[in-house]
Amino acid sequence: MSQTNMTHALAIFALALTACASTPRNPQAAVEREINACLPAAITMREGLVESRIWSEVLLVHWLEGKKARGHAYAVYLYPPAKNQLWAYDRDWGSTRVRALKSDARAVAMAANNSRALWGPITSAEYLQ
């Protein structure tokens, strides 16, 4: 095998490994650069996942910071589809595996928060309708 063919083979092998090991990314990277754009980022991520036939929902999370109400949005999805592993996508942190029942929005929110240690106690969580 020539050196050029070997280089091409190694490049293809590296791409294959990278593709298998990565989670989906937001299709609109420009949204991720905006300040306070967690909801649009979660919505565009969900739309991209649904187009790829991957179950996904937008999760809205609420908590109190002192007396001020705060909120955040995640795209929650099952990936890879055959294994049904639950992930939470956040525009700042990317995708993180969470362990909770997808039907329990509050449990999913708490698991996503615990993996990032971002906020205080969650007051409510629901999937965007």
C-alpha atoms as a PDB file:
ATOM      1  CA  MET A   1       0.000   0.000   0.000  1.00  0.00           C
ATOM      2  CA  SER A   2       1.408   3.403  -0.945  1.00  0.00           C
ATOM      3  CA  GLN A   3       1.895   6.121   1.627  1.00  0.00           C
ATOM      4  CA  THR A   4      -0.910   8.203   0.056  1.00  0.00           C
ATOM      5  CA  ASN A   5      -3.333   5.279   0.261  1.00  0.00           C
ATOM      6  CA  MET A   6      -2.262   4.597   3.842  1.00  0.00           C
ATOM      7  CA  THR A   7      -2.835   8.263   4.765  1.00  0.00           C
ATOM      8  CA  HIS A   8      -6.303   8.176   3.204  1.00  0.00           C
ATOM      9  CA  ALA A   9      -7.158   4.930   4.989  1.00  0.00           C
ATOM     10  CA  LEU A  10      -6.068   6.356   8.348  1.00  0.00           C
ATOM     11  CA  ALA A  11      -8.055   9.551   7.749  1.00  0.00           C
ATOM     12  CA  ILE A  12     -11.209   7.585   6.922  1.00  0.00           C
ATOM     13  CA  PHE A  13     -10.700   5.362   9.970  1.00  0.00           C
ATOM     14  CA  ALA A  14     -10.287   8.421  12.225  1.00  0.00           C
ATOM     15  CA  LEU A  15     -13.452  10.003  10.817  1.00  0.00           C
ATOM     16  CA  ALA A  16     -15.392   6.800  11.369  1.00  0.00           C
ATOM     17  CA  LEU A  17     -14.281   6.603  15.001  1.00  0.00           C
ATOM     18  CA  THR A  18     -15.157  10.249  15.596  1.00  0.00           C
ATOM     19  CA  ALA A  19     -18.580   9.881  14.003  1.00  0.00           C
ATOM     20  CA  CYS A  20     -19.463   6.863  16.127  1.00  0.00           C
ATOM     21  CA  ALA A  21     -18.388   8.415  19.397  1.00  0.00           C
ATOM     22  CA  SER A  22     -20.054  11.821  19.111  1.00  0.00           C
ATOM     23  CA  THR A  23     -23.507  13.051  20.041  1.00  0.00           C
ATOM     24  CA  PRO A  24     -25.600  15.233  17.727  1.00  0.00           C
ATOM     25  CA  ARG A  25     -24.757  18.925  17.447  1.00  0.00           C
ATOM     26  CA  ASN A  26     -27.012  21.940  17.042  1.00  0.00           C
ATOM     27  CA  PRO A  27     -27.688  22.512  13.332  1.00  0.00           C
ATOM     28  CA  GLN A  28     -27.640  26.300  13.762  1.00  0.00           C
ATOM     29  CA  ALA A  29     -24.330  27.108  15.438  1.00  0.00           C
ATOM     30  CA  ALA A  30     -25.009  30.860  15.184  1.00  0.00           C
ATOM     31  CA  VAL A  31     -27.765  30.529  17.799  1.00  0.00           C
ATOM     32  CA  GLU A  32     -25.224  29.224  20.283  1.00  0.00           C
ATOM     33  CA  ARG A  33     -23.256  32.489  20.221  1.00  0.00           C
ATOM     34  CA  GLU A  34     -26.197  34.650  21.336  1.00  0.00           C
ATOM     35  CA  ILE A  35     -26.619  35.716  24.957  1.00  0.00           C
ATOM     36  CA  ASN A  36     -29.693  34.242  26.697  1.00  0.00           C
ATOM     37  CA  ALA A  37     -30.520  32.091  23.685  1.00  0.00           C
ATOM     38  CA  CYS A  38     -31.058  28.817  25.510  1.00  0.00           C
ATOM     39  CA  LEU A  39     -34.658  28.449  24.285  1.00  0.00           C
ATOM     40  CA  PRO A  40     -33.970  29.102  20.563  1.00  0.00           C
ATOM     41  CA  ALA A  41     -30.895  26.849  20.789  1.00  0.00           C
ATOM     42  CA  ALA A  42     -32.946  24.053  22.373  1.00  0.00           C
ATOM     43  CA  ILE A  43     -35.695  24.450  19.753  1.00  0.00           C
ATOM     44  CA  THR A  44     -33.291  24.339  16.796  1.00  0.00           C
ATOM     45  CA  MET A  45     -31.502  21.342  18.307  1.00  0.00           C
ATOM     46  CA  ARG A  46     -34.839  19.552  18.738  1.00  0.00           C
ATOM     47  CA  GLU A  47     -35.863  20.331  15.153  1.00  0.00           C
ATOM     48  CA  GLY A  48     -32.594  18.904  13.834  1.00  0.00           C
ATOM     49  CA  LEU A  49     -32.994  15.766  15.923  1.00  0.00           C
ATOM     50  CA  VAL A  50     -36.608  15.241  14.845  1.00  0.00           C
ATOM     51  CA  GLU A  51     -35.551  15.595  11.192  1.00  0.00           C
ATOM     52  CA  SER A  52     -33.085  12.763  11.878  1.00  0.00           C
ATOM     53  CA  ARG A  53     -35.926  10.708  13.413  1.00  0.00           C
ATOM     54  CA  ILE A  54     -34.532  10.972  16.930  1.00  0.00           C
ATOM     55  CA  TRP A  55     -37.028  11.447  19.782  1.00  0.00           C
ATOM     56  CA  SER A  56     -36.515  14.878  21.304  1.00  0.00           C
ATOM     57  CA  GLU A  57     -38.348  17.439  23.432  1.00  0.00           C
ATOM     58  CA  VAL A  58     -37.570  20.916  24.734  1.00  0.00           C
ATOM     59  CA  LEU A  59     -37.390  20.919  28.536  1.00  0.00           C
ATOM     60  CA  LEU A  60     -38.116  24.160  30.412  1.00  0.00           C
ATOM     61  CA  VAL A  61     -36.616  24.414  33.900  1.00  0.00           C
ATOM     62  CA  HIS A  62     -37.449  27.023  36.574  1.00  0.00           C
ATOM     63  CA  TRP A  63     -35.780  27.890  39.889  1.00  0.00           C
ATOM     64  CA  LEU A  64     -35.420  30.819  42.291  1.00  0.00           C
ATOM     65  CA  GLU A  65     -32.229  32.797  42.668  1.00  0.00           C
ATOM     66  CA  GLY A  66     -32.896  34.710  45.871  1.00  0.00           C
ATOM     67  CA  LYS A  67     -36.384  36.067  45.145  1.00  0.00           C
ATOM     68  CA  LYS A  68     -35.858  36.304  41.399  1.00  0.00           C
ATOM     69  CA  ALA A  69     -37.399  33.655  39.152  1.00  0.00           C
ATOM     70  CA  ARG A  70     -34.965  32.127  36.664  1.00  0.00           C
ATOM     71  CA  GLY A  71     -35.306  29.659  33.817  1.00  0.00           C
ATOM     72  CA  HIS A  72     -33.371  27.601  31.315  1.00  0.00           C
ATOM     73  CA  ALA A  73     -34.113  25.317  28.357  1.00  0.00           C
ATOM     74  CA  TYR A  74     -32.596  22.017  27.282  1.00  0.00           C
ATOM     75  CA  ALA A  75     -33.141  19.786  24.290  1.00  0.00           C
ATOM     76  CA  VAL A  76     -33.680  16.317  25.746  1.00  0.00           C
ATOM     77  CA  TYR A  77     -33.244  13.359  23.398  1.00  0.00           C
ATOM     78  CA  LEU A  78     -32.757   9.598  23.160  1.00  0.00           C
ATOM     79  CA  TYR A  79     -29.495   8.628  21.467  1.00  0.00           C
ATOM     80  CA  PRO A  80     -28.492   6.369  19.909  1.00  0.00           C
ATOM     81  CA  PRO A  81     -32.055   5.397  18.960  1.00  0.00           C
ATOM     82  CA  ALA A  82     -31.446   1.662  19.382  1.00  0.00           C
ATOM     83  CA  LYS A  83     -30.108   2.062  22.945  1.00  0.00           C
ATOM     84  CA  ASN A  84     -32.527   4.744  24.172  1.00  0.00           C
ATOM     85  CA  GLN A  85     -29.982   6.577  26.308  1.00  0.00           C
ATOM     86  CA  LEU A  86     -31.319   9.916  27.558  1.00  0.00           C
ATOM     87  CA  TRP A  87     -29.239  13.046  26.907  1.00  0.00           C
ATOM     88  CA  ALA A  88     -29.724  16.729  27.767  1.00  0.00           C
ATOM     89  CA  TYR A  89     -28.294  19.314  25.368  1.00  0.00           C
ATOM     90  CA  ASP A  90     -27.386  22.730  26.711  1.00  0.00           C
ATOM     91  CA  ARG A  91     -25.963  25.447  24.464  1.00  0.00           C
ATOM     92  CA  ASP A  92     -23.139  26.181  26.922  1.00  0.00           C
ATOM     93  CA  TRP A  93     -22.271  22.649  28.047  1.00  0.00           C
ATOM     94  CA  GLY A  94     -23.186  20.569  25.007  1.00  0.00           C
ATOM     95  CA  SER A  95     -24.731  17.134  25.524  1.00  0.00           C
ATOM     96  CA  THR A  96     -24.619  15.306  28.838  1.00  0.00           C
ATOM     97  CA  ARG A  97     -25.991  11.844  29.588  1.00  0.00           C
ATOM     98  CA  VAL A  98     -28.741  11.967  32.197  1.00  0.00           C
ATOM     99  CA  ARG A  99     -30.304   9.116  34.106  1.00  0.00           C
ATOM    100  CA  ALA A 100     -34.018   9.662  34.575  1.00  0.00           C
ATOM    101  CA  LEU A 101     -37.315   8.563  33.072  1.00  0.00           C
ATOM    102  CA  LYS A 102     -38.016  10.739  30.037  1.00  0.00           C
ATOM    103  CA  SER A 103     -41.685  11.011  31.065  1.00  0.00           C
ATOM    104  CA  ASP A 104     -40.737  12.763  34.346  1.00  0.00           C
ATOM    105  CA  ALA A 105     -39.685  16.281  33.315  1.00  0.00           C
ATOM    106  CA  ARG A 106     -38.704  17.296  36.853  1.00  0.00           C
ATOM    107  CA  ALA A 107     -36.492  14.218  37.317  1.00  0.00           C
ATOM    108  CA  VAL A 108     -34.824  14.897  33.954  1.00  0.00           C
ATOM    109  CA  ALA A 109     -34.262  18.544  34.961  1.00  0.00           C
ATOM    110  CA  MET A 110     -32.780  17.520  38.306  1.00  0.00           C
ATOM    111  CA  ALA A 111     -30.461  14.969  36.653  1.00  0.00           C
ATOM    112  CA  ALA A 112     -29.312  17.543  34.077  1.00  0.00           C
ATOM    113  CA  ASN A 113     -28.744  20.120  36.824  1.00  0.00           C
ATOM    114  CA  ASN A 114     -26.832  17.640  38.992  1.00  0.00           C
ATOM    115  CA  SER A 115     -24.458  16.836  36.145  1.00  0.00           C
ATOM    116  CA  ARG A 116     -23.658  20.545  35.762  1.00  0.00           C
ATOM    117  CA  ALA A 117     -24.238  21.878  39.319  1.00  0.00           C
ATOM    118  CA  LEU A 118     -25.636  25.111  37.925  1.00  0.00           C
ATOM    119  CA  TRP A 119     -28.549  26.204  40.079  1.00  0.00           C
ATOM    120  CA  GLY A 120     -30.297  25.894  43.362  1.00  0.00           C
ATOM    121  CA  PRO A 121     -33.435  23.809  43.923  1.00  0.00           C
ATOM    122  CA  ILE A 122     -35.646  23.464  40.852  1.00  0.00           C
ATOM    123  CA  THR A 123     -39.143  24.795  41.436  1.00  0.00           C
ATOM    124  CA  SER A 124     -40.717  23.336  38.285  1.00  0.00           C
ATOM    125  CA  ALA A 125     -39.950  21.689  34.967  1.00  0.00           C
ATOM    126  CA  GLU A 126     -42.077  20.846  31.961  1.00  0.00           C
ATOM    127  CA  TYR A 127     -41.768  19.928  28.327  1.00  0.00           C
ATOM    128  CA  LEU A 128     -42.586  22.705  25.864  1.00  0.00           C
ATOM    129  CA  GLN A 129     -45.976  22.088  24.237  1.00  0.00           C
END
